[in-house]
Amino acid sequence: MIRLIALDIDGTLLTSDRRIDAETLTALRRTHAAGCRIVLATGRAFRSLEDVAEKLSCADYAITSSGGGVFTAAGEMLFAAQMAPELVRAVTETVERFGLTPEVYIRGQAYASGFQLDHMTDWGVPEKNRGYILNTRVRVEAYTAFVRENLDCIEGMDVLMAPEEVRIPLRAALGRIEGLSVTSSSPLYTDVNTAGVTKATGLAHLGAILKIAPAEMMAFGDAENDVPMLRYAGIGVAMANALPDVRAAADFVTASNDACGIAEALARFGVGKRKTVIDCTVGA
């Protein structure tokens, strides 16, 4: 029996125009009412989830920063996979060699340099994404000093979109840093965590707290950083719009994020249906 639903956000829960379709919303709320825990599992920082959580209105927990943090819906941090200071330094130095600055995630908040935010247009960030980025990042001007002062409390980092000719060699350079995990939540981001930290490890920490086994979990995703989570959960579901490697890792491929794929999979596996329990006690 499925007791927990883990949902990637962008490309999975949200449609291409950043909505939650009515059929998916109804199915998830019905599933929640039937007793399933609903968990947002994302590369975003916790403070970047407010709009989605408000639309959904039934999320109980969040796994953020691709596994770097685990939070209650109210914002209580249950777990942080803090990066070692030497890893943060290595990432920062590597990214800066490419003329960029990394974002850092601290206690559920994303921090970005003023330089990065001022050059989104130059780096090809689509106009539809710029408002979201500006509204969910704390702008820091003295960024190098800020990172240095907070080396002991960074649970994840990312590099905002860079041109392909920079992004590919940058990712290769980051991949050579020992002890680092490099992945991607979308073409806009290169995400980095301590090696071994994934959405799956976030689910494992939350499952231990809630006493919910992997076999009792169902996970949905579409991007590279969703693969460990789909393999970990008892039922891993890839969206039809997912990358080929993500679809290959899943137990089931559902319709796309624009075609009510989450609702389709919940119905396919009968998740969220209330069970009628008959009292079989002798003499009842």
C-alpha atoms as a PDB file:
ATOM      1  CA  MET A   1       0.000   0.000   0.000  1.00  0.00           C
ATOM      2  CA  ILE A   2       1.348   3.417  -0.987  1.00  0.00           C
ATOM      3  CA  ARG A   3       1.587   5.800   1.972  1.00  0.00           C
ATOM      4  CA  LEU A   4       3.787   8.572   0.520  1.00  0.00           C
ATOM      5  CA  ILE A   5       3.805  10.393  -2.822  1.00  0.00           C
ATOM      6  CA  ALA A   6       7.003  12.264  -3.791  1.00  0.00           C
ATOM      7  CA  LEU A   7       6.607  14.867  -6.530  1.00  0.00           C
ATOM      8  CA  ASP A   8       9.224  16.647  -8.557  1.00  0.00           C
ATOM      9  CA  ILE A   9       7.925  20.119  -9.424  1.00  0.00           C
ATOM     10  CA  ASP A  10       9.156  21.620 -12.680  1.00  0.00           C
ATOM     11  CA  GLY A  11       8.297  19.419 -15.643  1.00  0.00           C
ATOM     12  CA  THR A  12       6.317  17.055 -13.418  1.00  0.00           C
ATOM     13  CA  LEU A  13       3.787  18.641 -11.071  1.00  0.00           C
ATOM     14  CA  LEU A  14       3.690  21.923 -12.995  1.00  0.00           C
ATOM     15  CA  THR A  15       2.550  22.176 -16.586  1.00  0.00           C
ATOM     16  CA  SER A  16       4.655  23.960 -19.187  1.00  0.00           C
ATOM     17  CA  ASP A  17       2.889  27.210 -18.323  1.00  0.00           C
ATOM     18  CA  ARG A  18       3.599  26.643 -14.613  1.00  0.00           C
ATOM     19  CA  ARG A  19       0.098  25.586 -13.511  1.00  0.00           C
ATOM     20  CA  ILE A  20      -1.173  22.534 -11.637  1.00  0.00           C
ATOM     21  CA  ASP A  21      -3.930  21.164 -13.847  1.00  0.00           C
ATOM     22  CA  ALA A  22      -7.323  20.645 -12.227  1.00  0.00           C
ATOM     23  CA  GLU A  23      -7.389  16.857 -12.672  1.00  0.00           C
ATOM     24  CA  THR A  24      -3.986  16.433 -11.025  1.00  0.00           C
ATOM     25  CA  LEU A  25      -4.927  18.786  -8.205  1.00  0.00           C
ATOM     26  CA  THR A  26      -8.139  16.859  -7.502  1.00  0.00           C
ATOM     27  CA  ALA A  27      -6.341  13.499  -7.600  1.00  0.00           C
ATOM     28  CA  LEU A  28      -3.598  14.624  -5.214  1.00  0.00           C
ATOM     29  CA  ARG A  29      -6.010  16.191  -2.748  1.00  0.00           C
ATOM     30  CA  ARG A  30      -8.104  13.005  -2.804  1.00  0.00           C
ATOM     31  CA  THR A  31      -4.955  10.930  -2.248  1.00  0.00           C
ATOM     32  CA  HIS A  32      -3.963  13.148   0.668  1.00  0.00           C
ATOM     33  CA  ALA A  33      -7.435  12.884   2.197  1.00  0.00           C
ATOM     34  CA  ALA A  34      -7.133   9.095   1.986  1.00  0.00           C
ATOM     35  CA  GLY A  35      -4.056   9.215   4.230  1.00  0.00           C
ATOM     36  CA  CYS A  36      -1.050   9.516   1.884  1.00  0.00           C
ATOM     37  CA  ARG A  37       1.702  11.962   2.761  1.00  0.00           C
ATOM     38  CA  ILE A  38       2.457  14.379  -0.067  1.00  0.00           C
ATOM     39  CA  VAL A  39       6.103  15.415  -0.450  1.00  0.00           C
ATOM     40  CA  LEU A  40       7.532  18.002  -2.838  1.00  0.00           C
ATOM     41  CA  ALA A  41      10.956  16.758  -4.003  1.00  0.00           C
ATOM     42  CA  THR A  42      12.883  19.403  -5.887  1.00  0.00           C
ATOM     43  CA  GLY A  43      16.173  21.015  -6.754  1.00  0.00           C
ATOM     44  CA  ARG A  44      14.699  24.300  -5.506  1.00  0.00           C
ATOM     45  CA  ALA A  45      15.342  25.841  -2.103  1.00  0.00           C
ATOM     46  CA  PHE A  46      12.496  25.654   0.415  1.00  0.00           C
ATOM     47  CA  ARG A  47      11.760  29.395   0.250  1.00  0.00           C
ATOM     48  CA  SER A  48      11.199  29.001  -3.499  1.00  0.00           C
ATOM     49  CA  LEU A  49       8.245  26.639  -2.967  1.00  0.00           C
ATOM     50  CA  GLU A  50       5.667  29.001  -1.523  1.00  0.00           C
ATOM     51  CA  ASP A  51       3.757  29.508  -4.768  1.00  0.00           C
ATOM     52  CA  VAL A  52       3.568  25.772  -5.493  1.00  0.00           C
ATOM     53  CA  ALA A  53       2.679  24.803  -1.928  1.00  0.00           C
ATOM     54  CA  GLU A  54      -0.104  27.365  -1.928  1.00  0.00           C
ATOM     55  CA  LYS A  55      -1.539  26.069  -5.215  1.00  0.00           C
ATOM     56  CA  LEU A  56      -1.348  22.465  -4.043  1.00  0.00           C
ATOM     57  CA  SER A  57      -2.468  23.116  -0.450  1.00  0.00           C
ATOM     58  CA  CYS A  58      -1.850  19.523   0.651  1.00  0.00           C
ATOM     59  CA  ALA A  59       1.939  19.134   0.768  1.00  0.00           C
ATOM     60  CA  ASP A  60       3.153  17.791   4.122  1.00  0.00           C
ATOM     61  CA  TYR A  61       6.932  17.879   3.599  1.00  0.00           C
ATOM     62  CA  ALA A  62       9.584  19.019   1.127  1.00  0.00           C
ATOM     63  CA  ILE A  63      12.896  17.553   0.016  1.00  0.00           C
ATOM     64  CA  THR A  64      14.911  20.466  -1.346  1.00  0.00           C
ATOM     65  CA  SER A  65      18.243  21.219  -3.022  1.00  0.00           C
ATOM     66  CA  SER A  66      18.131  17.789  -4.734  1.00  0.00           C
ATOM     67  CA  GLY A  67      18.313  16.084  -1.342  1.00  0.00           C
ATOM     68  CA  GLY A  68      20.310  18.697   0.548  1.00  0.00           C
ATOM     69  CA  GLY A  69      17.444  19.548   2.921  1.00  0.00           C
ATOM     70  CA  VAL A  70      14.275  18.024   4.350  1.00  0.00           C
ATOM     71  CA  PHE A  71      11.550  20.335   5.696  1.00  0.00           C
ATOM     72  CA  THR A  72       8.066  20.213   7.120  1.00  0.00           C
ATOM     73  CA  ALA A  73       5.427  22.217   5.261  1.00  0.00           C
ATOM     74  CA  ALA A  74       5.695  24.835   8.008  1.00  0.00           C
ATOM     75  CA  GLY A  75       9.407  25.321   7.293  1.00  0.00           C
ATOM     76  CA  GLU A  76      10.985  23.325  10.129  1.00  0.00           C
ATOM     77  CA  MET A  77      14.262  21.871   8.878  1.00  0.00           C
ATOM     78  CA  LEU A  78      14.405  18.165   9.741  1.00  0.00           C
ATOM     79  CA  PHE A  79      17.683  17.362   8.012  1.00  0.00           C
ATOM     80  CA  ALA A  80      20.528  19.158   6.229  1.00  0.00           C
ATOM     81  CA  ALA A  81      23.260  17.458   4.205  1.00  0.00           C
ATOM     82  CA  GLN A  82      25.735  20.268   4.714  1.00  0.00           C
ATOM     83  CA  MET A  83      28.626  20.422   2.279  1.00  0.00           C
ATOM     84  CA  ALA A  84      32.162  20.341   3.652  1.00  0.00           C
ATOM     85  CA  PRO A  85      33.854  23.771   3.486  1.00  0.00           C
ATOM     86  CA  GLU A  86      36.600  22.429   1.211  1.00  0.00           C
ATOM     87  CA  LEU A  87      33.973  21.263  -1.284  1.00  0.00           C
ATOM     88  CA  VAL A  88      32.271  24.664  -1.269  1.00  0.00           C
ATOM     89  CA  ARG A  89      35.632  26.347  -1.882  1.00  0.00           C
ATOM     90  CA  ALA A  90      36.476  23.953  -4.727  1.00  0.00           C
ATOM     91  CA  VAL A  91      33.118  24.492  -6.428  1.00  0.00           C
ATOM     92  CA  THR A  92      33.306  28.267  -6.051  1.00  0.00           C
ATOM     93  CA  GLU A  93      36.844  28.469  -7.423  1.00  0.00           C
ATOM     94  CA  THR A  94      35.995  26.195 -10.358  1.00  0.00           C
ATOM     95  CA  VAL A  95      32.846  28.105 -11.300  1.00  0.00           C
ATOM     96  CA  GLU A  96      34.611  31.477 -11.033  1.00  0.00           C
ATOM     97  CA  ARG A  97      37.279  30.292 -13.493  1.00  0.00           C
ATOM     98  CA  PHE A  98      34.473  30.181 -16.071  1.00  0.00           C
ATOM     99  CA  GLY A  99      33.422  33.747 -15.313  1.00  0.00           C
ATOM    100  CA  LEU A 100      30.348  32.721 -13.293  1.00  0.00           C
ATOM    101  CA  THR A 101      29.296  32.559  -9.651  1.00  0.00           C
ATOM    102  CA  PRO A 102      27.421  29.662  -8.010  1.00  0.00           C
ATOM    103  CA  GLU A 103      24.234  30.023  -6.016  1.00  0.00           C
ATOM    104  CA  VAL A 104      24.243  28.650  -2.464  1.00  0.00           C
ATOM    105  CA  TYR A 105      21.401  27.201  -0.406  1.00  0.00           C
ATOM    106  CA  ILE A 106      21.399  27.941   3.318  1.00  0.00           C
ATOM    107  CA  ARG A 107      18.586  26.785   5.616  1.00  0.00           C
ATOM    108  CA  GLY A 108      16.161  26.641   2.740  1.00  0.00           C
ATOM    109  CA  GLN A 109      17.006  30.001   1.156  1.00  0.00           C
ATOM    110  CA  ALA A 110      18.800  30.512  -2.170  1.00  0.00           C
ATOM    111  CA  TYR A 111      21.424  33.278  -2.288  1.00  0.00           C
ATOM    112  CA  ALA A 112      22.806  34.692  -5.535  1.00  0.00           C
ATOM    113  CA  SER A 113      25.395  37.273  -6.449  1.00  0.00           C
ATOM    114  CA  GLY A 114      24.290  40.591  -7.866  1.00  0.00           C
ATOM    115  CA  PHE A 115      26.641  39.876 -10.772  1.00  0.00           C
ATOM    116  CA  GLN A 116      24.769  36.678 -11.630  1.00  0.00           C
ATOM    117  CA  LEU A 117      21.338  38.275 -11.393  1.00  0.00           C
ATOM    118  CA  ASP A 118      22.419  41.213 -13.536  1.00  0.00           C
ATOM    119  CA  HIS A 119      23.637  38.912 -16.343  1.00  0.00           C
ATOM    120  CA  MET A 120      20.673  36.555 -16.748  1.00  0.00           C
ATOM    121  CA  THR A 121      19.866  38.028 -20.157  1.00  0.00           C
ATOM    122  CA  ASP A 122      23.466  37.615 -21.333  1.00  0.00           C
ATOM    123  CA  TRP A 123      23.423  33.956 -20.254  1.00  0.00           C
ATOM    124  CA  GLY A 124      20.196  33.178 -22.064  1.00  0.00           C
ATOM    125  CA  VAL A 125      17.792  32.773 -19.145  1.00  0.00           C
ATOM    126  CA  PRO A 126      14.293  32.839 -20.717  1.00  0.00           C
ATOM    127  CA  GLU A 127      12.249  35.914 -19.905  1.00  0.00           C
ATOM    128  CA  LYS A 128       9.482  33.795 -18.331  1.00  0.00           C
ATOM    129  CA  ASN A 129      11.964  32.533 -15.712  1.00  0.00           C
ATOM    130  CA  ARG A 130      13.602  35.819 -14.741  1.00  0.00           C
ATOM    131  CA  GLY A 131      10.820  37.094 -12.485  1.00  0.00           C
ATOM    132  CA  TYR A 132      10.734  33.803 -10.569  1.00  0.00           C
ATOM    133  CA  ILE A 133      14.502  33.856 -10.090  1.00  0.00           C
ATOM    134  CA  LEU A 134      14.549  37.469  -8.896  1.00  0.00           C
ATOM    135  CA  ASN A 135      11.663  36.815  -6.489  1.00  0.00           C
ATOM    136  CA  THR A 136      13.161  33.694  -4.916  1.00  0.00           C
ATOM    137  CA  ARG A 137      16.830  34.648  -4.502  1.00  0.00           C
ATOM    138  CA  VAL A 138      18.364  36.887  -1.881  1.00  0.00           C
ATOM    139  CA  ARG A 139      20.699  39.227  -3.727  1.00  0.00           C
ATOM    140  CA  VAL A 140      24.204  39.524  -2.247  1.00  0.00           C
ATOM    141  CA  GLU A 141      26.717  42.056  -3.551  1.00  0.00           C
ATOM    142  CA  ALA A 142      29.824  41.120  -1.516  1.00  0.00           C
ATOM    143  CA  TYR A 143      29.270  37.539  -2.572  1.00  0.00           C
ATOM    144  CA  THR A 144      32.747  36.035  -2.110  1.00  0.00           C
ATOM    145  CA  ALA A 145      32.874  37.292   1.479  1.00  0.00           C
ATOM    146  CA  PHE A 146      29.320  36.048   2.098  1.00  0.00           C
ATOM    147  CA  VAL A 147      30.152  32.507   0.975  1.00  0.00           C
ATOM    148  CA  ARG A 148      33.346  32.522   3.034  1.00  0.00           C
ATOM    149  CA  GLU A 149      31.419  33.590   6.149  1.00  0.00           C
ATOM    150  CA  ASN A 150      28.850  30.805   5.673  1.00  0.00           C
ATOM    151  CA  LEU A 151      31.039  27.861   4.705  1.00  0.00           C
ATOM    152  CA  ASP A 152      29.702  25.693   7.538  1.00  0.00           C
ATOM    153  CA  CYS A 153      25.996  25.857   6.679  1.00  0.00           C
ATOM    154  CA  ILE A 154      25.598  25.313   2.929  1.00  0.00           C
ATOM    155  CA  GLU A 155      23.379  22.345   2.024  1.00  0.00           C
ATOM    156  CA  GLY A 156      23.636  22.680  -1.743  1.00  0.00           C
ATOM    157  CA  MET A 157      24.824  24.798  -4.653  1.00  0.00           C
ATOM    158  CA  ASP A 158      23.977  25.341  -8.292  1.00  0.00           C
ATOM    159  CA  VAL A 159      25.099  27.255 -11.332  1.00  0.00           C
ATOM    160  CA  LEU A 160      22.414  29.232 -13.101  1.00  0.00           C
ATOM    161  CA  MET A 161      22.183  28.752 -16.843  1.00  0.00           C
ATOM    162  CA  ALA A 162      25.321  29.354 -18.829  1.00  0.00           C
ATOM    163  CA  PRO A 163      25.709  29.121 -22.621  1.00  0.00           C
ATOM    164  CA  GLU A 164      26.170  25.511 -23.802  1.00  0.00           C
ATOM    165  CA  GLU A 165      29.750  26.171 -24.844  1.00  0.00           C
ATOM    166  CA  VAL A 166      30.465  27.078 -21.193  1.00  0.00           C
ATOM    167  CA  ARG A 167      28.046  24.709 -19.465  1.00  0.00           C
ATOM    168  CA  ILE A 168      29.495  21.507 -20.915  1.00  0.00           C
ATOM    169  CA  PRO A 169      33.163  22.095 -19.954  1.00  0.00           C
ATOM    170  CA  LEU A 170      32.068  23.580 -16.620  1.00  0.00           C
ATOM    171  CA  ARG A 171      30.159  20.432 -15.750  1.00  0.00           C
ATOM    172  CA  ALA A 172      33.154  18.316 -16.760  1.00  0.00           C
ATOM    173  CA  ALA A 173      35.408  20.391 -14.492  1.00  0.00           C
ATOM    174  CA  LEU A 174      32.997  20.079 -11.576  1.00  0.00           C
ATOM    175  CA  GLY A 175      32.820  16.328 -12.178  1.00  0.00           C
ATOM    176  CA  ARG A 176      36.533  16.074 -11.500  1.00  0.00           C
ATOM    177  CA  ILE A 177      36.142  17.387  -7.936  1.00  0.00           C
ATOM    178  CA  GLU A 178      36.442  14.431  -5.580  1.00  0.00           C
ATOM    179  CA  GLY A 179      33.522  14.000  -3.195  1.00  0.00           C
ATOM    180  CA  LEU A 180      31.079  16.008  -5.318  1.00  0.00           C
ATOM    181  CA  SER A 181      27.835  14.953  -6.997  1.00  0.00           C
ATOM    182  CA  VAL A 182      26.940  16.867 -10.170  1.00  0.00           C
ATOM    183  CA  THR A 183      23.505  16.619 -11.753  1.00  0.00           C
ATOM    184  CA  SER A 184      20.807  18.778 -13.322  1.00  0.00           C
ATOM    185  CA  SER A 185      17.196  19.603 -12.531  1.00  0.00           C
ATOM    186  CA  SER A 186      16.619  21.390 -15.857  1.00  0.00           C
ATOM    187  CA  PRO A 187      18.626  22.904 -18.719  1.00  0.00           C
ATOM    188  CA  LEU A 188      18.769  26.089 -16.630  1.00  0.00           C
ATOM    189  CA  TYR A 189      20.761  24.577 -13.774  1.00  0.00           C
ATOM    190  CA  THR A 190      23.826  22.555 -12.957  1.00  0.00           C
ATOM    191  CA  ASP A 191      23.243  21.254  -9.424  1.00  0.00           C
ATOM    192  CA  VAL A 192      25.971  20.169  -7.017  1.00  0.00           C
ATOM    193  CA  ASN A 193      25.831  18.365  -3.689  1.00  0.00           C
ATOM    194  CA  THR A 194      28.072  16.245  -1.559  1.00  0.00           C
ATOM    195  CA  ALA A 195      28.616  12.890  -3.279  1.00  0.00           C
ATOM    196  CA  GLY A 196      25.831  10.480  -2.372  1.00  0.00           C
ATOM    197  CA  VAL A 197      23.295  13.193  -1.566  1.00  0.00           C
ATOM    198  CA  THR A 198      20.229  12.814  -3.786  1.00  0.00           C
ATOM    199  CA  LYS A 199      16.471  13.073  -3.626  1.00  0.00           C
ATOM    200  CA  ALA A 200      16.560   9.372  -2.718  1.00  0.00           C
ATOM    201  CA  THR A 201      18.635  10.014   0.411  1.00  0.00           C
ATOM    202  CA  GLY A 202      16.215  12.786   1.318  1.00  0.00           C
ATOM    203  CA  LEU A 203      13.350  10.301   0.990  1.00  0.00           C
ATOM    204  CA  ALA A 204      15.261   7.806   3.109  1.00  0.00           C
ATOM    205  CA  HIS A 205      15.689  10.343   5.926  1.00  0.00           C
ATOM    206  CA  LEU A 206      12.029  11.317   5.771  1.00  0.00           C
ATOM    207  CA  GLY A 207      10.911   7.696   5.574  1.00  0.00           C
ATOM    208  CA  ALA A 208      12.886   6.891   8.718  1.00  0.00           C
ATOM    209  CA  ILE A 209      11.176   9.734  10.567  1.00  0.00           C
ATOM    210  CA  LEU A 210       7.698   8.748   9.373  1.00  0.00           C
ATOM    211  CA  LYS A 211       8.329   4.977   9.547  1.00  0.00           C
ATOM    212  CA  ILE A 212       7.421   4.587   5.878  1.00  0.00           C
ATOM    213  CA  ALA A 213       9.365   1.999   3.872  1.00  0.00           C
ATOM    214  CA  PRO A 214      10.559   2.552   0.276  1.00  0.00           C
ATOM    215  CA  ALA A 215       8.033  -0.054  -0.916  1.00  0.00           C
ATOM    216  CA  GLU A 216       5.287   2.216   0.449  1.00  0.00           C
ATOM    217  CA  MET A 217       6.461   5.205  -1.628  1.00  0.00           C
ATOM    218  CA  MET A 218       5.555   6.382  -5.120  1.00  0.00           C
ATOM    219  CA  ALA A 219       7.737   8.994  -6.824  1.00  0.00           C
ATOM    220  CA  PHE A 220       7.233  11.124  -9.955  1.00  0.00           C
ATOM    221  CA  GLY A 221       9.919  12.897 -11.990  1.00  0.00           C
ATOM    222  CA  ASP A 222      11.237  13.988 -15.373  1.00  0.00           C
ATOM    223  CA  ALA A 223      14.843  15.174 -14.944  1.00  0.00           C
ATOM    224  CA  GLU A 224      18.299  13.765 -14.328  1.00  0.00           C
ATOM    225  CA  ASN A 225      18.239  14.506 -10.592  1.00  0.00           C
ATOM    226  CA  ASP A 226      15.021  12.459 -10.256  1.00  0.00           C
ATOM    227  CA  VAL A 227      16.595   9.127 -11.295  1.00  0.00           C
ATOM    228  CA  PRO A 228      17.813   8.023  -7.819  1.00  0.00           C
ATOM    229  CA  MET A 229      14.404   8.836  -6.319  1.00  0.00           C
ATOM    230  CA  LEU A 230      12.513   6.878  -8.981  1.00  0.00           C
ATOM    231  CA  ARG A 231      14.760   3.873  -8.378  1.00  0.00           C
ATOM    232  CA  TYR A 232      14.411   4.145  -4.595  1.00  0.00           C
ATOM    233  CA  ALA A 233      10.624   4.337  -4.380  1.00  0.00           C
ATOM    234  CA  GLY A 234       8.474   1.228  -4.589  1.00  0.00           C
ATOM    235  CA  ILE A 235       6.851   2.706  -7.694  1.00  0.00           C
ATOM    236  CA  GLY A 236       8.917   5.135  -9.751  1.00  0.00           C
ATOM    237  CA  VAL A 237       6.934   7.033 -12.367  1.00  0.00           C
ATOM    238  CA  ALA A 238       8.478   9.033 -15.207  1.00  0.00           C
ATOM    239  CA  MET A 239       6.517  11.627 -17.127  1.00  0.00           C
ATOM    240  CA  ALA A 240       6.205  11.154 -20.896  1.00  0.00           C
ATOM    241  CA  ASN A 241       8.216  14.372 -21.280  1.00  0.00           C
ATOM    242  CA  ALA A 242      11.068  12.978 -19.157  1.00  0.00           C
ATOM    243  CA  LEU A 243      14.581  12.482 -20.459  1.00  0.00           C
ATOM    244  CA  PRO A 244      15.241   9.017 -21.967  1.00  0.00           C
ATOM    245  CA  ASP A 245      17.448   7.933 -19.039  1.00  0.00           C
ATOM    246  CA  VAL A 246      14.711   8.938 -16.597  1.00  0.00           C
ATOM    247  CA  ARG A 247      12.082   6.931 -18.462  1.00  0.00           C
ATOM    248  CA  ALA A 248      14.439   3.947 -18.535  1.00  0.00           C
ATOM    249  CA  ALA A 249      14.889   4.131 -14.738  1.00  0.00           C
ATOM    250  CA  ALA A 250      11.157   4.204 -14.005  1.00  0.00           C
ATOM    251  CA  ASP A 251       8.742   1.369 -13.295  1.00  0.00           C
ATOM    252  CA  PHE A 252       6.024   3.125 -15.276  1.00  0.00           C
ATOM    253  CA  VAL A 253       5.883   5.951 -17.812  1.00  0.00           C
ATOM    254  CA  THR A 254       2.748   8.063 -17.567  1.00  0.00           C
ATOM    255  CA  ALA A 255       1.367  10.900 -19.674  1.00  0.00           C
ATOM    256  CA  SER A 256       3.196  14.216 -19.805  1.00  0.00           C
ATOM    257  CA  ASN A 257       3.005  17.058 -17.313  1.00  0.00           C
ATOM    258  CA  ASP A 258       0.691  18.802 -19.786  1.00  0.00           C
ATOM    259  CA  ALA A 259      -1.642  15.780 -20.056  1.00  0.00           C
ATOM    260  CA  CYS A 260      -2.496  15.026 -16.399  1.00  0.00           C
ATOM    261  CA  GLY A 261       0.208  12.367 -16.094  1.00  0.00           C
ATOM    262  CA  ILE A 262       0.222  12.317 -12.297  1.00  0.00           C
ATOM    263  CA  ALA A 263      -3.543  11.783 -12.129  1.00  0.00           C
ATOM    264  CA  GLU A 264      -3.272   9.033 -14.737  1.00  0.00           C
ATOM    265  CA  ALA A 265      -0.637   7.117 -12.761  1.00  0.00           C
ATOM    266  CA  LEU A 266      -2.467   7.469  -9.436  1.00  0.00           C
ATOM    267  CA  ALA A 267      -5.574   6.015 -11.074  1.00  0.00           C
ATOM    268  CA  ARG A 268      -3.560   3.286 -12.824  1.00  0.00           C
ATOM    269  CA  PHE A 269      -2.177   2.023  -9.511  1.00  0.00           C
ATOM    270  CA  GLY A 270      -5.321   2.695  -7.490  1.00  0.00           C
ATOM    271  CA  VAL A 271      -3.544   5.096  -5.145  1.00  0.00           C
ATOM    272  CA  GLY A 272      -5.759   7.314  -3.009  1.00  0.00           C
ATOM    273  CA  LYS A 273      -8.823   5.120  -2.988  1.00  0.00           C
ATOM    274  CA  ARG A 274     -10.342   4.758   0.440  1.00  0.00           C
ATOM    275  CA  LYS A 275     -10.619   1.171   1.623  1.00  0.00           C
ATOM    276  CA  THR A 276     -13.735  -0.157   3.304  1.00  0.00           C
ATOM    277  CA  VAL A 277     -12.706  -1.970   6.489  1.00  0.00           C
ATOM    278  CA  ILE A 278     -15.114  -4.606   7.815  1.00  0.00           C
ATOM    279  CA  ASP A 279     -15.044  -5.374  11.543  1.00  0.00           C
ATOM    280  CA  CYS A 280     -14.419  -9.120  11.716  1.00  0.00           C
ATOM    281  CA  THR A 281     -14.218  -9.347  15.499  1.00  0.00           C
ATOM    282  CA  VAL A 282     -16.133 -12.371  16.776  1.00  0.00           C
ATOM    283  CA  GLY A 283     -19.388 -11.214  18.346  1.00  0.00           C
ATOM    284  CA  ALA A 284     -19.352  -7.852  16.622  1.00  0.00           C
END
